[in-house]
């Protein structure tokens, strides 16, 4: 899961890149692909967590 934070499509890297390029050009770009990746990772983690919790109960 930690690789999702440091790869090319990571939301954190896209946010920093957007801040830097936006400050240089004055235009804001919305990173939709990294956002979709973050949502997908969150859904997988939530599903695994609820599955493990159901098995332990």
PDB file of N, CA and C in Angstrom:
ATOM      1  N   UNK A   1       0.805  -1.194   0.000  1.00  0.00           N
ATOM      2  CA  UNK A   1       0.000   0.000   0.000  1.00  0.00           C
ATOM      3  C   UNK A   1       0.854   1.266   0.000  1.00  0.00           C
ATOM      4  N   UNK A   2       2.031   1.193   0.578  1.00  0.00           N
ATOM      5  CA  UNK A   2       2.873   2.386   0.644  1.00  0.00           C
ATOM      6  C   UNK A   2       3.345   2.792  -0.745  1.00  0.00           C
ATOM      7  N   UNK A   3       3.421   1.852  -1.681  1.00  0.00           N
ATOM      8  CA  UNK A   3       3.824   2.192  -3.051  1.00  0.00           C
ATOM      9  C   UNK A   3       2.822   3.113  -3.722  1.00  0.00           C
ATOM     10  N   UNK A   4       1.569   3.073  -3.286  1.00  0.00           N
ATOM     11  CA  UNK A   4       0.555   3.956  -3.874  1.00  0.00           C
ATOM     12  C   UNK A   4       0.851   5.421  -3.576  1.00  0.00           C
ATOM     13  N   UNK A   5       1.668   5.684  -2.571  1.00  0.00           N
ATOM     14  CA  UNK A   5       1.973   7.064  -2.206  1.00  0.00           C
ATOM     15  C   UNK A   5       3.182   7.634  -2.930  1.00  0.00           C
ATOM     16  N   UNK A   6       4.022   6.796  -3.503  1.00  0.00           N
ATOM     17  CA  UNK A   6       5.264   7.299  -4.094  1.00  0.00           C
ATOM     18  C   UNK A   6       5.404   7.013  -5.583  1.00  0.00           C
ATOM     19  N   UNK A   7       4.456   6.375  -6.206  1.00  0.00           N
ATOM     20  CA  UNK A   7       4.558   6.080  -7.629  1.00  0.00           C
ATOM     21  C   UNK A   7       4.152   7.305  -8.447  1.00  0.00           C
ATOM     22  N   UNK A   8       4.288   7.195  -9.753  1.00  0.00           N
ATOM     23  CA  UNK A   8       4.003   8.325 -10.639  1.00  0.00           C
ATOM     24  C   UNK A   8       2.552   8.775 -10.565  1.00  0.00           C
ATOM     25  N   UNK A   9       1.630   7.880 -10.350  1.00  0.00           N
ATOM     26  CA  UNK A   9       0.221   8.251 -10.309  1.00  0.00           C
ATOM     27  C   UNK A   9      -0.286   8.552  -8.919  1.00  0.00           C
ATOM     28  N   UNK A  10       0.612   8.808  -7.970  1.00  0.00           N
ATOM     29  CA  UNK A  10       0.184   9.010  -6.587  1.00  0.00           C
ATOM     30  C   UNK A  10      -0.492  10.366  -6.403  1.00  0.00           C
ATOM     31  N   UNK A  11      -1.503  10.428  -5.550  1.00  0.00           N
ATOM     32  CA  UNK A  11      -2.179  11.699  -5.291  1.00  0.00           C
ATOM     33  C   UNK A  11      -1.253  12.741  -4.664  1.00  0.00           C
ATOM     34  N   UNK A  12      -0.340  12.304  -3.795  1.00  0.00           N
ATOM     35  CA  UNK A  12       0.561  13.258  -3.151  1.00  0.00           C
ATOM     36  C   UNK A  12       1.499  13.897  -4.168  1.00  0.00           C
ATOM     37  N   UNK A  13       2.060  13.080  -5.034  1.00  0.00           N
ATOM     38  CA  UNK A  13       2.972  13.619  -6.040  1.00  0.00           C
ATOM     39  C   UNK A  13       2.232  14.537  -7.007  1.00  0.00           C
ATOM     40  N   UNK A  14       1.001  14.151  -7.371  1.00  0.00           N
ATOM     41  CA  UNK A  14       0.214  14.989  -8.274  1.00  0.00           C
ATOM     42  C   UNK A  14      -0.132  16.322  -7.624  1.00  0.00           C
ATOM     43  N   UNK A  15      -0.412  16.303  -6.313  1.00  0.00           N
ATOM     44  CA  UNK A  15      -0.741  17.549  -5.621  1.00  0.00           C
ATOM     45  C   UNK A  15       0.452  18.490  -5.587  1.00  0.00           C
ATOM     46  N   UNK A  16       1.614  17.965  -5.271  1.00  0.00           N
ATOM     47  CA  UNK A  16       2.814  18.810  -5.219  1.00  0.00           C
ATOM     48  C   UNK A  16       3.171  19.327  -6.607  1.00  0.00           C
ATOM     49  N   UNK A  17       3.094  18.454  -7.595  1.00  0.00           N
ATOM     50  CA  UNK A  17       3.373  18.875  -8.971  1.00  0.00           C
ATOM     51  C   UNK A  17       2.391  19.951  -9.411  1.00  0.00           C
ATOM     52  N   UNK A  18       1.107  19.765  -9.058  1.00  0.00           N
ATOM     53  CA  UNK A  18       0.097  20.768  -9.405  1.00  0.00           C
ATOM     54  C   UNK A  18       0.334  22.098  -8.735  1.00  0.00           C
ATOM     55  N   UNK A  19       0.754  22.060  -7.470  1.00  0.00           N
ATOM     56  CA  UNK A  19       1.053  23.303  -6.762  1.00  0.00           C
ATOM     57  C   UNK A  19       2.226  24.046  -7.396  1.00  0.00           C
ATOM     58  N   UNK A  20       3.262  23.295  -7.740  1.00  0.00           N
ATOM     59  CA  UNK A  20       4.451  23.929  -8.321  1.00  0.00           C
ATOM     60  C   UNK A  20       4.152  24.479  -9.707  1.00  0.00           C
ATOM     61  N   UNK A  21       3.530  23.669 -10.553  1.00  0.00           N
ATOM     62  CA  UNK A  21       3.242  24.144 -11.910  1.00  0.00           C
ATOM     63  C   UNK A  21       2.177  25.239 -11.893  1.00  0.00           C
ATOM     64  N   UNK A  22       1.223  25.156 -10.975  1.00  0.00           N
ATOM     65  CA  UNK A  22       0.210  26.198 -10.874  1.00  0.00           C
ATOM     66  C   UNK A  22       0.788  27.519 -10.427  1.00  0.00           C
ATOM     67  N   UNK A  23       1.779  27.477  -9.545  1.00  0.00           N
ATOM     68  CA  UNK A  23       2.406  28.727  -9.108  1.00  0.00           C
ATOM     69  C   UNK A  23       3.249  29.345 -10.218  1.00  0.00           C
ATOM     70  N   UNK A  24       3.746  28.507 -11.115  1.00  0.00           N
ATOM     71  CA  UNK A  24       4.551  29.026 -12.225  1.00  0.00           C
ATOM     72  C   UNK A  24       3.694  29.566 -13.359  1.00  0.00           C
ATOM     73  N   UNK A  25       2.583  28.886 -13.657  1.00  0.00           N
ATOM     74  CA  UNK A  25       1.768  29.263 -14.814  1.00  0.00           C
ATOM     75  C   UNK A  25       0.508  30.028 -14.450  1.00  0.00           C
ATOM     76  N   UNK A  26       0.042  29.917 -13.231  1.00  0.00           N
ATOM     77  CA  UNK A  26      -1.200  30.572 -12.832  1.00  0.00           C
ATOM     78  C   UNK A  26      -2.436  29.770 -13.181  1.00  0.00           C
ATOM     79  N   UNK A  27      -2.267  28.548 -13.662  1.00  0.00           N
ATOM     80  CA  UNK A  27      -3.391  27.682 -14.028  1.00  0.00           C
ATOM     81  C   UNK A  27      -3.420  26.470 -13.100  1.00  0.00           C
ATOM     82  N   UNK A  28      -4.625  26.057 -12.724  1.00  0.00           N
ATOM     83  CA  UNK A  28      -4.783  24.910 -11.837  1.00  0.00           C
ATOM     84  C   UNK A  28      -5.267  23.723 -12.651  1.00  0.00           C
ATOM     85  N   UNK A  29      -4.589  22.589 -12.502  1.00  0.00           N
ATOM     86  CA  UNK A  29      -4.954  21.351 -13.192  1.00  0.00           C
ATOM     87  C   UNK A  29      -5.455  20.351 -12.155  1.00  0.00           C
ATOM     88  N   UNK A  30      -6.617  19.782 -12.410  1.00  0.00           N
ATOM     89  CA  UNK A  30      -7.195  18.812 -11.478  1.00  0.00           C
ATOM     90  C   UNK A  30      -6.700  17.414 -11.858  1.00  0.00           C
ATOM     91  N   UNK A  31      -5.981  16.743 -10.963  1.00  0.00           N
ATOM     92  CA  UNK A  31      -5.429  15.415 -11.268  1.00  0.00           C
ATOM     93  C   UNK A  31      -6.479  14.316 -11.063  1.00  0.00           C
ATOM     94  N   UNK A  32      -7.259  14.014 -12.083  1.00  0.00           N
ATOM     95  CA  UNK A  32      -8.346  13.046 -11.954  1.00  0.00           C
ATOM     96  C   UNK A  32      -7.854  11.601 -11.868  1.00  0.00           C
ATOM     97  N   UNK A  33      -6.807  11.268 -12.584  1.00  0.00           N
ATOM     98  CA  UNK A  33      -6.301   9.890 -12.557  1.00  0.00           C
ATOM     99  C   UNK A  33      -5.746   9.522 -11.177  1.00  0.00           C
ATOM    100  N   UNK A  34      -4.905  10.348 -10.572  1.00  0.00           N
ATOM    101  CA  UNK A  34      -4.449  10.020  -9.219  1.00  0.00           C
ATOM    102  C   UNK A  34      -5.596   9.996  -8.201  1.00  0.00           C
ATOM    103  N   UNK A  35      -6.589  10.851  -8.386  1.00  0.00           N
ATOM    104  CA  UNK A  35      -7.743  10.843  -7.499  1.00  0.00           C
ATOM    105  C   UNK A  35      -8.499   9.527  -7.614  1.00  0.00           C
ATOM    106  N   UNK A  36      -8.696   9.057  -8.822  1.00  0.00           N
ATOM    107  CA  UNK A  36      -9.367   7.775  -9.023  1.00  0.00           C
ATOM    108  C   UNK A  36      -8.548   6.628  -8.425  1.00  0.00           C
ATOM    109  N   UNK A  37      -7.234   6.706  -8.551  1.00  0.00           N
ATOM    110  CA  UNK A  37      -6.377   5.686  -7.949  1.00  0.00           C
ATOM    111  C   UNK A  37      -6.468   5.685  -6.436  1.00  0.00           C
ATOM    112  N   UNK A  38      -6.521   6.866  -5.837  1.00  0.00           N
ATOM    113  CA  UNK A  38      -6.644   6.963  -4.382  1.00  0.00           C
ATOM    114  C   UNK A  38      -7.978   6.411  -3.912  1.00  0.00           C
ATOM    115  N   UNK A  39      -9.036   6.686  -4.659  1.00  0.00           N
ATOM    116  CA  UNK A  39     -10.354   6.145  -4.305  1.00  0.00           C
ATOM    117  C   UNK A  39     -10.345   4.625  -4.416  1.00  0.00           C
ATOM    118  N   UNK A  40      -9.723   4.096  -5.451  1.00  0.00           N
ATOM    119  CA  UNK A  40      -9.653   2.646  -5.615  1.00  0.00           C
ATOM    120  C   UNK A  40      -8.885   1.987  -4.478  1.00  0.00           C
ATOM    121  N   UNK A  41      -7.771   2.577  -4.078  1.00  0.00           N
ATOM    122  CA  UNK A  41      -6.990   2.037  -2.961  1.00  0.00           C
ATOM    123  C   UNK A  41      -7.803   2.098  -1.676  1.00  0.00           C
ATOM    124  N   UNK A  42      -8.521   3.189  -1.458  1.00  0.00           N
ATOM    125  CA  UNK A  42      -9.343   3.321  -0.253  1.00  0.00           C
ATOM    126  C   UNK A  42     -10.459   2.296  -0.217  1.00  0.00           C
ATOM    127  N   UNK A  43     -11.061   2.017  -1.360  1.00  0.00           N
ATOM    128  CA  UNK A  43     -12.133   1.021  -1.423  1.00  0.00           C
ATOM    129  C   UNK A  43     -11.591  -0.375  -1.126  1.00  0.00           C
ATOM    130  N   UNK A  44     -10.441  -0.698  -1.673  1.00  0.00           N
ATOM    131  CA  UNK A  44      -9.839  -2.010  -1.420  1.00  0.00           C
ATOM    132  C   UNK A  44      -9.481  -2.162   0.053  1.00  0.00           C
ATOM    133  N   UNK A  45      -8.894  -1.144   0.640  1.00  0.00           N
ATOM    134  CA  UNK A  45      -8.520  -1.205   2.055  1.00  0.00           C
ATOM    135  C   UNK A  45      -9.763  -1.330   2.928  1.00  0.00           C
ATOM    136  N   UNK A  46     -10.816  -0.597   2.617  1.00  0.00           N
ATOM    137  CA  UNK A  46     -12.054  -0.686   3.393  1.00  0.00           C
ATOM    138  C   UNK A  46     -12.676  -2.069   3.280  1.00  0.00           C
ATOM    139  N   UNK A  47     -12.656  -2.650   2.082  1.00  0.00           N
ATOM    140  CA  UNK A  47     -13.218  -3.983   1.894  1.00  0.00           C
ATOM    141  C   UNK A  47     -12.417  -5.033   2.662  1.00  0.00           C
ATOM    142  N   UNK A  48     -11.100  -4.941   2.605  1.00  0.00           N
ATOM    143  CA  UNK A  48     -10.270  -5.899   3.337  1.00  0.00           C
ATOM    144  C   UNK A  48     -10.438  -5.747   4.849  1.00  0.00           C
ATOM    145  N   UNK A  49     -10.542  -4.516   5.303  1.00  0.00           N
ATOM    146  CA  UNK A  49     -10.718  -4.277   6.729  1.00  0.00           C
ATOM    147  C   UNK A  49     -12.048  -4.831   7.225  1.00  0.00           C
ATOM    148  N   UNK A  50     -13.099  -4.614   6.471  1.00  0.00           N
ATOM    149  CA  UNK A  50     -14.399  -5.130   6.902  1.00  0.00           C
ATOM    150  C   UNK A  50     -14.438  -6.653   6.816  1.00  0.00           C
ATOM    151  N   UNK A  51     -13.754  -7.223   5.864  1.00  0.00           N
ATOM    152  CA  UNK A  51     -13.697  -8.694   5.752  1.00  0.00           C
ATOM    153  C   UNK A  51     -12.961  -9.299   6.955  1.00  0.00           C
ATOM    154  N   UNK A  52     -11.839  -8.720   7.312  1.00  0.00           N
ATOM    155  CA  UNK A  52     -11.070  -9.216   8.460  1.00  0.00           C
ATOM    156  C   UNK A  52     -11.869  -9.022   9.751  1.00  0.00           C
ATOM    157  N   UNK A  53     -12.553  -7.882   9.881  1.00  0.00           N
ATOM    158  CA  UNK A  53     -13.339  -7.626  11.078  1.00  0.00           C
ATOM    159  C   UNK A  53     -14.486  -8.636  11.197  1.00  0.00           C
ATOM    160  N   UNK A  54     -15.096  -8.986  10.076  1.00  0.00           N
ATOM    161  CA  UNK A  54     -16.196  -9.960  10.098  1.00  0.00           C
ATOM    162  C   UNK A  54     -15.695 -11.349  10.477  1.00  0.00           C
ATOM    163  N   UNK A  55     -14.498 -11.683  10.056  1.00  0.00           N
ATOM    164  CA  UNK A  55     -13.949 -13.002  10.376  1.00  0.00           C
ATOM    165  C   UNK A  55     -13.557 -13.102  11.847  1.00  0.00           C
ATOM    166  N   UNK A  56     -13.134 -11.988  12.426  1.00  0.00           N
ATOM    167  CA  UNK A  56     -12.695 -11.995  13.831  1.00  0.00           C
ATOM    168  C   UNK A  56     -13.873 -11.959  14.793  1.00  0.00           C
ATOM    169  N   UNK A  57     -15.017 -11.494  14.343  1.00  0.00           N
ATOM    170  CA  UNK A  57     -16.179 -11.350  15.251  1.00  0.00           C
ATOM    171  C   UNK A  57     -16.913 -12.659  15.442  1.00  0.00           C
TER     172      UNK A  57
END
